[in-house]
Amino acid sequence: MKMISRFGLGLLLSSSVLTAQAEDVKIGMITTLSGGGSHLGVDVRDGFMLALEQSGRDDVEVLIQDDARRPDLARSLSNEFIQRDDVDILTGIIWSNLAMAVVPSVTRQGTFYLSPNAGPSDLAGRMCHENYFNVAYQNDNLHGAMGAYMREEGYERPIIMAPNYPAGTDALAGFKHLYEGEVVGELYTQMGQTDYAAEIAQIRDSDADSLFFFLPGGMGISFMKQWESSGVDMPIFGAAFSFDEILIKAVGSAAIGARNTSLWAYDLENEANASFVEGFQAAYDRLPTLYAAQGYDTANLILSALETAHPDDKDAFREALRAADFDSVRGEFRFGPNQHPIQDIYVREVVEGDDGEPTNRLIGVAIEDIQDVYYEQCEM
């Protein structure tokens, strides 16, 4: 097998497999490592592997595959991991449409799935499963928190926009649920869209006093650059998915002043977060994004459960996961009855950093102890 050196952590990465030292516990990671939005998967992977390296354990093997953002490929890879590689745990998926293609089959086959990112409403509600844990959020959470924040800040006529896929529809539903007022309009874009002239024209012609949008990855970069060129003067709000450290540097000055909600911030003050940020910068020579933080927490949750039980003892391992006995980088963390987080959501503002580049600064708490509404549909 062709091997290449991997920066940081003293590990080796092949085109398909990243392996720790022993094979007592086997984890399969399916994530996006190529194409649009690949920095999300790269950061989830790097945060996850950093936690394993810091733990010093030599009994965990991690097999990593690139899903290329394709649901069919992700489904095929999950079957290979379960049937050929006999993994104990699966993780890694970034996109909600891929999660919907993979998770139900994985959990029905008796394998644990821990999500470090995607949190579609169906998996929190009617399709919940005892073997499925979301360590990041339910898709509505960050958007709902921004809805609550904008209401409290006195914005009365927001216009809202997101791509037309499960996370996008969840995003706008979550915003409206906690905003509680009327919105001027809802705009749904296409996945991977690059030209936003029509949407910007609609926003300009509306009576909106603010814009809330969810456009993750390259979609957000394209929109913000075109927004700056348009000359439309309107306060911008969003979730961290459109304002992570990599995206805002690609956007440049257009991002300055935007406020965004996040379950985590690199300047959040707690011991676990300080260790994580320092370790990540030392290993990878860059600031982590929330995706890296989520990958790091996912690995540390697994490691905490392994202190109690092996995944072969499914009932004991499941209870150990539910206990969430680990120090999260985001502060207090616990699971709700549908095995999704109950957590605080923070507000960050994009400012000019000391190096002249845009960066996020923590400015407050949007909402405390947010819990998704779908747990009431979860029969578990």
Protein backbone atom coordinates (compact mmCIF):
# COMPACT_ATOMS: atom_id res chain seq x y z
CA MET A 1 0.00 0.00 0.00
CA LYS A 2 1.32 3.40 -0.92
CA MET A 3 2.06 5.46 2.20
CA ILE A 4 2.74 9.18 2.49
CA SER A 5 3.89 11.27 5.41
CA ARG A 6 1.14 13.12 7.26
CA PHE A 7 1.86 16.44 8.96
CA GLY A 8 1.63 16.42 12.73
CA LEU A 9 1.02 13.73 15.33
CA GLY A 10 3.63 11.39 13.94
CA LEU A 11 0.99 9.29 12.17
CA LEU A 12 0.85 7.86 8.68
CA LEU A 13 -1.97 8.43 6.23
CA SER A 14 -2.70 6.23 3.25
CA SER A 15 -5.31 7.02 0.65
CA SER A 16 -7.80 4.97 2.64
CA VAL A 17 -6.56 4.14 6.11
CA LEU A 18 -5.25 6.02 9.13
CA THR A 19 -4.24 3.63 11.88
CA ALA A 20 -3.33 3.96 15.54
CA GLN A 21 -1.19 1.27 17.09
CA ALA A 22 -3.43 -1.62 18.12
CA GLU A 23 -6.65 -3.26 16.97
CA ASP A 24 -8.70 -3.89 20.12
CA VAL A 25 -11.27 -1.26 19.16
CA LYS A 26 -11.90 -0.44 15.53
CA ILE A 27 -13.47 2.83 14.38
CA GLY A 28 -14.51 3.60 10.82
CA MET A 29 -14.53 7.26 9.80
CA ILE A 30 -16.37 8.29 6.63
CA THR A 31 -15.92 11.98 5.99
CA THR A 32 -15.46 14.55 3.24
CA LEU A 33 -11.78 14.98 2.38
CA SER A 34 -11.99 16.14 -1.24
CA GLY A 35 -14.03 18.58 -3.28
CA GLY A 36 -16.22 21.40 -2.03
CA GLY A 37 -16.48 21.67 1.73
CA SER A 38 -13.59 19.28 2.31
CA HIS A 39 -12.07 21.48 5.02
CA LEU A 40 -15.01 20.45 7.25
CA GLY A 41 -14.06 16.79 7.02
CA VAL A 42 -10.35 17.53 7.34
CA ASP A 43 -10.95 19.41 10.57
CA VAL A 44 -13.24 16.72 12.00
CA ARG A 45 -10.57 14.14 11.20
CA ASP A 46 -7.73 16.20 12.63
CA GLY A 47 -9.57 17.07 15.84
CA PHE A 48 -10.55 13.43 16.33
CA MET A 49 -7.04 12.14 15.80
CA LEU A 50 -5.55 14.80 18.07
CA ALA A 51 -7.72 13.57 20.95
CA LEU A 52 -6.59 9.98 20.35
CA GLU A 53 -2.96 11.04 20.25
CA GLN A 54 -3.29 13.04 23.46
CA SER A 55 -4.93 10.08 25.20
CA GLY A 56 -1.86 7.89 24.77
CA ARG A 57 -4.00 4.82 24.06
CA ASP A 58 -2.58 2.18 21.76
CA ASP A 59 -5.67 -0.04 21.50
CA VAL A 60 -7.72 1.99 19.01
CA GLU A 61 -7.56 1.64 15.22
CA VAL A 62 -9.14 4.29 13.00
CA LEU A 63 -9.90 3.53 9.35
CA ILE A 64 -10.62 6.64 7.29
CA GLN A 65 -12.35 6.93 3.92
CA ASP A 66 -13.30 9.93 1.79
CA ASP A 67 -17.00 10.04 0.89
CA ALA A 68 -16.42 12.76 -1.77
CA ARG A 69 -19.75 14.22 -0.57
CA ARG A 70 -21.65 11.43 -2.35
CA PRO A 71 -24.48 9.63 -0.52
CA ASP A 72 -24.11 6.47 -2.61
CA LEU A 73 -20.39 6.26 -1.88
CA ALA A 74 -20.90 6.92 1.82
CA ARG A 75 -23.47 4.10 1.98
CA SER A 76 -21.14 1.70 0.18
CA LEU A 77 -18.22 2.60 2.47
CA SER A 78 -20.32 2.06 5.58
CA ASN A 79 -21.26 -1.42 4.40
CA GLU A 80 -17.60 -2.22 3.71
CA PHE A 81 -16.56 -1.02 7.15
CA ILE A 82 -19.21 -3.16 8.85
CA GLN A 83 -19.14 -6.29 6.72
CA ARG A 84 -15.46 -6.44 5.72
CA ASP A 85 -13.61 -4.57 8.46
CA ASP A 86 -15.94 -5.43 11.35
CA VAL A 87 -15.70 -1.97 12.90
CA ASP A 88 -17.16 -1.35 16.35
CA ILE A 89 -18.07 2.30 15.78
CA LEU A 90 -18.70 4.54 12.78
CA THR A 91 -18.36 8.33 12.71
CA GLY A 92 -17.31 11.27 10.55
CA ILE A 93 -20.16 12.26 8.22
CA ILE A 94 -20.45 16.01 7.59
CA TRP A 95 -23.57 16.40 5.42
CA SER A 96 -27.11 15.62 6.53
CA ASN A 97 -28.16 14.01 3.23
CA LEU A 98 -25.24 11.60 3.61
CA ALA A 99 -26.16 10.92 7.23
CA MET A 100 -29.70 10.03 6.18
CA ALA A 101 -28.28 7.63 3.58
CA VAL A 102 -25.99 5.89 6.09
CA VAL A 103 -27.07 6.09 9.72
CA PRO A 104 -30.39 4.15 9.72
CA SER A 105 -28.81 1.10 8.09
CA VAL A 106 -25.72 1.24 10.32
CA THR A 107 -27.66 1.37 13.57
CA ARG A 108 -30.11 -1.34 12.47
CA GLN A 109 -27.13 -3.63 11.89
CA GLY A 110 -26.12 -3.13 15.54
CA THR A 111 -23.15 -0.81 15.00
CA PHE A 112 -22.75 2.39 17.00
CA TYR A 113 -22.78 5.65 15.05
CA LEU A 114 -21.54 8.89 16.66
CA SER A 115 -22.12 12.03 14.63
CA PRO A 116 -19.45 14.74 14.85
CA ASN A 117 -21.51 17.14 12.70
CA ALA A 118 -24.69 16.32 10.78
CA GLY A 119 -27.84 16.40 12.91
CA PRO A 120 -30.96 15.99 10.72
CA SER A 121 -34.30 16.30 12.49
CA ASP A 122 -35.52 12.84 11.49
CA LEU A 123 -32.61 11.19 13.34
CA ALA A 124 -33.41 13.25 16.44
CA GLY A 125 -37.09 12.38 16.28
CA ARG A 126 -39.05 9.65 14.56
CA MET A 127 -35.94 7.78 13.33
CA CYS A 128 -33.91 7.99 16.53
CA HIS A 129 -32.07 4.83 17.58
CA GLU A 130 -30.36 3.61 20.71
CA ASN A 131 -27.09 3.12 18.78
CA TYR A 132 -27.07 6.66 17.37
CA PHE A 133 -25.51 9.56 19.30
CA ASN A 134 -25.04 13.08 18.04
CA VAL A 135 -22.09 14.80 19.71
CA ALA A 136 -22.42 18.11 17.82
CA TYR A 137 -25.98 19.44 17.73
CA GLN A 138 -29.38 18.88 16.18
CA ASN A 139 -29.43 20.90 12.96
CA ASP A 140 -31.92 23.46 14.29
CA ASN A 141 -29.86 24.42 17.36
CA LEU A 142 -27.47 27.10 16.16
CA HIS A 143 -30.08 28.62 13.86
CA GLY A 144 -32.75 28.64 16.55
CA ALA A 145 -30.32 30.29 18.94
CA MET A 146 -29.69 33.04 16.40
CA GLY A 147 -33.43 33.51 15.98
CA ALA A 148 -33.74 34.04 19.72
CA TYR A 149 -30.74 36.39 19.74
CA MET A 150 -32.04 38.52 16.86
CA ARG A 151 -35.45 38.77 18.51
CA GLU A 152 -33.83 40.00 21.72
CA GLU A 153 -31.68 42.45 19.74
CA GLY A 154 -34.82 44.02 18.28
CA TYR A 155 -34.69 42.95 14.62
CA GLU A 156 -38.27 42.90 13.37
CA ARG A 157 -38.11 42.08 9.65
CA PRO A 158 -35.47 39.43 8.87
CA ILE A 159 -35.20 37.69 5.53
CA ILE A 160 -33.78 34.16 5.76
CA MET A 161 -31.94 31.95 3.27
CA ALA A 162 -30.52 28.41 3.08
CA PRO A 163 -29.85 25.61 0.56
CA ASN A 164 -32.70 23.26 -0.24
CA TYR A 165 -31.50 20.08 1.52
CA PRO A 166 -32.24 18.57 4.97
CA ALA A 167 -29.86 20.76 6.96
CA GLY A 168 -31.09 23.84 5.10
CA THR A 169 -34.77 23.24 5.77
CA ASP A 170 -33.93 22.38 9.40
CA ALA A 171 -31.93 25.62 9.65
CA LEU A 172 -34.80 27.88 8.65
CA ALA A 173 -37.34 25.90 10.68
CA GLY A 174 -35.09 26.23 13.73
CA PHE A 175 -34.62 29.95 13.21
CA LYS A 176 -38.36 30.59 12.94
CA HIS A 177 -39.17 28.43 15.95
CA LEU A 178 -37.20 30.59 18.37
CA TYR A 179 -37.47 33.90 16.53
CA GLU A 180 -41.22 33.58 17.08
CA GLY A 181 -42.12 36.54 14.84
CA GLU A 182 -42.84 36.92 11.16
CA VAL A 183 -40.05 36.85 8.57
CA VAL A 184 -40.09 38.97 5.42
CA GLY A 185 -39.28 36.03 3.20
CA GLU A 186 -37.59 32.63 2.86
CA LEU A 187 -35.14 31.95 0.06
CA TYR A 188 -34.01 28.42 -0.82
CA THR A 189 -30.89 28.03 -2.94
CA GLN A 190 -29.38 25.00 -4.67
CA MET A 191 -26.64 22.87 -3.13
CA GLY A 192 -23.29 23.95 -4.52
CA GLN A 193 -24.74 27.16 -6.01
CA THR A 194 -22.14 29.78 -6.94
CA ASP A 195 -24.19 32.65 -8.44
CA TYR A 196 -26.40 34.54 -5.99
CA ALA A 197 -27.35 37.54 -8.11
CA ALA A 198 -31.05 36.65 -8.12
CA GLU A 199 -31.18 36.14 -4.35
CA ILE A 200 -29.30 39.37 -3.66
CA ALA A 201 -31.76 41.23 -5.90
CA GLN A 202 -34.68 39.77 -3.93
CA ILE A 203 -33.07 40.80 -0.65
CA ARG A 204 -32.40 44.32 -1.94
CA ASP A 205 -36.02 44.68 -3.05
CA SER A 206 -37.45 43.37 0.22
CA ASP A 207 -38.45 45.36 3.27
CA ALA A 208 -36.02 43.40 5.45
CA ASP A 209 -34.03 45.00 8.26
CA SER A 210 -31.60 42.06 8.53
CA LEU A 211 -30.40 38.92 6.77
CA PHE A 212 -29.97 35.50 8.34
CA PHE A 213 -28.41 32.84 6.15
CA PHE A 214 -27.01 29.33 6.30
CA LEU A 215 -24.60 28.64 3.43
CA PRO A 216 -21.85 26.24 4.54
CA GLY A 217 -18.52 25.77 2.83
CA GLY A 218 -17.82 27.35 -0.53
CA MET A 219 -21.43 28.48 -0.92
CA GLY A 220 -20.93 30.99 1.90
CA ILE A 221 -17.68 32.27 0.38
CA SER A 222 -19.33 32.86 -3.00
CA PHE A 223 -22.34 34.58 -1.48
CA MET A 224 -20.39 36.91 0.82
CA LYS A 225 -18.06 38.08 -1.94
CA GLN A 226 -21.01 38.84 -4.20
CA TRP A 227 -22.84 40.49 -1.30
CA GLU A 228 -19.94 42.88 -0.73
CA SER A 229 -19.88 43.82 -4.41
CA SER A 230 -23.64 44.41 -4.46
CA GLY A 231 -23.52 47.39 -2.14
CA VAL A 232 -26.56 46.22 -0.15
CA ASP A 233 -26.27 47.64 3.38
CA MET A 234 -27.91 45.30 5.86
CA PRO A 235 -26.77 43.58 9.09
CA ILE A 236 -25.77 39.95 8.50
CA PHE A 237 -26.32 37.04 10.87
CA GLY A 238 -25.74 33.34 10.54
CA ALA A 239 -24.50 30.19 12.16
CA ALA A 240 -20.84 29.29 12.55
CA PHE A 241 -21.08 26.97 9.54
CA SER A 242 -20.86 30.03 7.30
CA PHE A 243 -18.29 31.85 9.44
CA ASP A 244 -15.62 29.39 10.50
CA GLU A 245 -12.00 30.54 10.64
CA ILE A 246 -11.16 29.16 7.21
CA LEU A 247 -14.21 30.61 5.46
CA ILE A 248 -13.93 34.12 6.87
CA LYS A 249 -10.30 34.36 5.82
CA ALA A 250 -11.33 33.34 2.30
CA VAL A 251 -14.16 35.91 2.36
CA GLY A 252 -11.95 38.70 3.70
CA SER A 253 -13.24 42.11 4.76
CA ALA A 254 -16.83 41.34 3.69
CA ALA A 255 -17.18 39.14 6.78
CA ILE A 256 -16.24 41.87 9.28
CA GLY A 257 -19.14 42.72 11.56
CA ALA A 258 -21.17 39.58 10.89
CA ARG A 259 -22.45 37.83 13.99
CA ASN A 260 -22.78 34.08 14.21
CA THR A 261 -23.88 31.44 16.67
CA SER A 262 -21.66 28.54 17.64
CA LEU A 263 -21.55 25.78 20.22
CA TRP A 264 -17.85 26.58 20.63
CA ALA A 265 -15.30 29.39 20.30
CA TYR A 266 -11.52 29.17 20.34
CA ASP A 267 -11.44 31.93 22.98
CA LEU A 268 -13.97 30.20 25.24
CA GLU A 269 -12.34 29.99 28.64
CA ASN A 270 -12.11 26.50 30.09
CA GLU A 271 -9.18 24.14 30.70
CA ALA A 272 -10.21 21.53 28.14
CA ASN A 273 -10.56 24.14 25.41
CA ALA A 274 -7.21 25.74 26.17
CA SER A 275 -5.51 22.34 25.89
CA PHE A 276 -7.34 21.58 22.66
CA VAL A 277 -6.57 24.89 20.93
CA GLU A 278 -2.92 24.82 21.97
CA GLY A 279 -2.52 21.19 20.90
CA PHE A 280 -4.28 21.72 17.58
CA GLN A 281 -2.18 24.74 16.68
CA ALA A 282 1.00 22.89 17.61
CA ALA A 283 0.06 19.86 15.51
CA TYR A 284 -1.42 21.56 12.44
CA ASP A 285 -0.15 25.16 12.50
CA ARG A 286 -3.65 26.66 12.20
CA LEU A 287 -6.55 27.66 14.40
CA PRO A 288 -9.20 24.96 14.79
CA THR A 289 -12.75 25.45 13.54
CA LEU A 290 -15.90 24.24 15.30
CA TYR A 291 -15.64 21.08 13.16
CA ALA A 292 -12.30 20.25 14.74
CA ALA A 293 -13.79 20.91 18.17
CA GLN A 294 -16.66 18.55 17.40
CA GLY A 295 -14.29 15.85 16.17
CA TYR A 296 -12.17 16.27 19.29
CA ASP A 297 -15.20 15.98 21.59
CA THR A 298 -16.48 12.94 19.68
CA ALA A 299 -13.19 11.13 20.18
CA ASN A 300 -13.05 12.07 23.86
CA LEU A 301 -16.61 10.83 24.41
CA ILE A 302 -15.63 7.49 22.86
CA LEU A 303 -12.48 7.34 24.98
CA SER A 304 -14.46 8.08 28.15
CA ALA A 305 -16.88 5.25 27.36
CA LEU A 306 -14.00 2.86 26.63
CA GLU A 307 -12.82 3.41 30.21
CA THR A 308 -16.00 1.63 31.30
CA ALA A 309 -16.85 -0.89 28.58
CA HIS A 310 -15.90 -2.30 25.19
CA PRO A 311 -18.39 -1.82 22.33
CA ASP A 312 -18.87 -5.60 22.24
CA ASP A 313 -20.84 -5.15 25.47
CA LYS A 314 -23.40 -2.99 23.73
CA ASP A 315 -25.62 -2.23 26.70
CA ALA A 316 -22.73 -1.22 28.95
CA PHE A 317 -20.99 0.79 26.23
CA ARG A 318 -24.25 2.57 25.35
CA GLU A 319 -24.78 3.57 28.98
CA ALA A 320 -21.19 4.80 29.18
CA LEU A 321 -21.77 6.99 26.13
CA ARG A 322 -24.99 8.35 27.63
CA ALA A 323 -23.12 9.34 30.78
CA ALA A 324 -20.91 11.70 28.70
CA ASP A 325 -18.23 11.63 31.38
CA PHE A 326 -15.64 13.76 29.62
CA ASP A 327 -14.48 17.38 29.65
CA SER A 328 -15.99 19.04 26.60
CA VAL A 329 -14.21 21.95 24.96
CA ARG A 330 -17.56 23.76 24.81
CA GLY A 331 -18.14 23.66 28.60
CA GLU A 332 -21.06 21.80 30.16
CA PHE A 333 -22.33 18.94 28.01
CA ARG A 334 -25.05 16.36 28.51
CA PHE A 335 -27.37 14.28 26.36
CA GLY A 336 -31.11 14.63 26.12
CA PRO A 337 -33.43 11.60 25.94
CA ASN A 338 -32.87 11.29 22.17
CA GLN A 339 -29.07 11.23 22.64
CA HIS A 340 -28.56 14.73 21.22
CA PRO A 341 -26.76 17.47 23.18
CA ILE A 342 -28.30 19.86 25.64
CA GLN A 343 -25.86 22.76 25.62
CA ASP A 344 -25.27 26.50 25.58
CA ILE A 345 -24.98 28.28 22.23
CA TYR A 346 -22.65 31.27 22.02
CA VAL A 347 -22.55 34.41 19.86
CA ARG A 348 -19.38 35.43 18.03
CA GLU A 349 -18.61 38.51 15.96
CA VAL A 350 -16.20 38.59 13.05
CA VAL A 351 -13.56 41.23 13.78
CA GLU A 352 -10.19 42.20 12.36
CA GLY A 353 -7.50 40.25 14.18
CA ASP A 354 -4.06 41.42 15.26
CA ASP A 355 -2.68 40.11 11.97
CA GLY A 356 -5.18 42.14 9.96
CA GLU A 357 -7.14 39.03 8.98
CA PRO A 358 -10.78 38.38 9.96
CA THR A 359 -11.29 36.25 13.06
CA ASN A 360 -14.15 35.35 15.40
CA ARG A 361 -14.44 36.91 18.84
CA LEU A 362 -16.75 35.54 21.52
CA ILE A 363 -19.23 38.24 22.57
CA GLY A 364 -21.81 36.38 24.67
CA VAL A 365 -24.32 33.58 25.09
CA ALA A 366 -27.26 33.40 22.68
CA ILE A 367 -29.21 30.82 24.62
CA GLU A 368 -28.55 28.45 27.52
CA ASP A 369 -29.31 24.73 27.67
CA ILE A 370 -30.91 24.52 24.24
CA GLN A 371 -32.63 21.24 23.48
CA ASP A 372 -34.14 20.24 20.16
CA VAL A 373 -37.91 19.87 19.88
CA TYR A 374 -37.78 16.50 18.12
CA TYR A 375 -37.04 14.43 21.23
CA GLU A 376 -40.80 14.25 21.80
CA GLN A 377 -41.07 12.18 18.59
CA CYS A 378 -38.29 9.83 19.69
CA GLU A 379 -39.57 6.49 20.97
CA MET A 380 -36.54 4.89 22.55
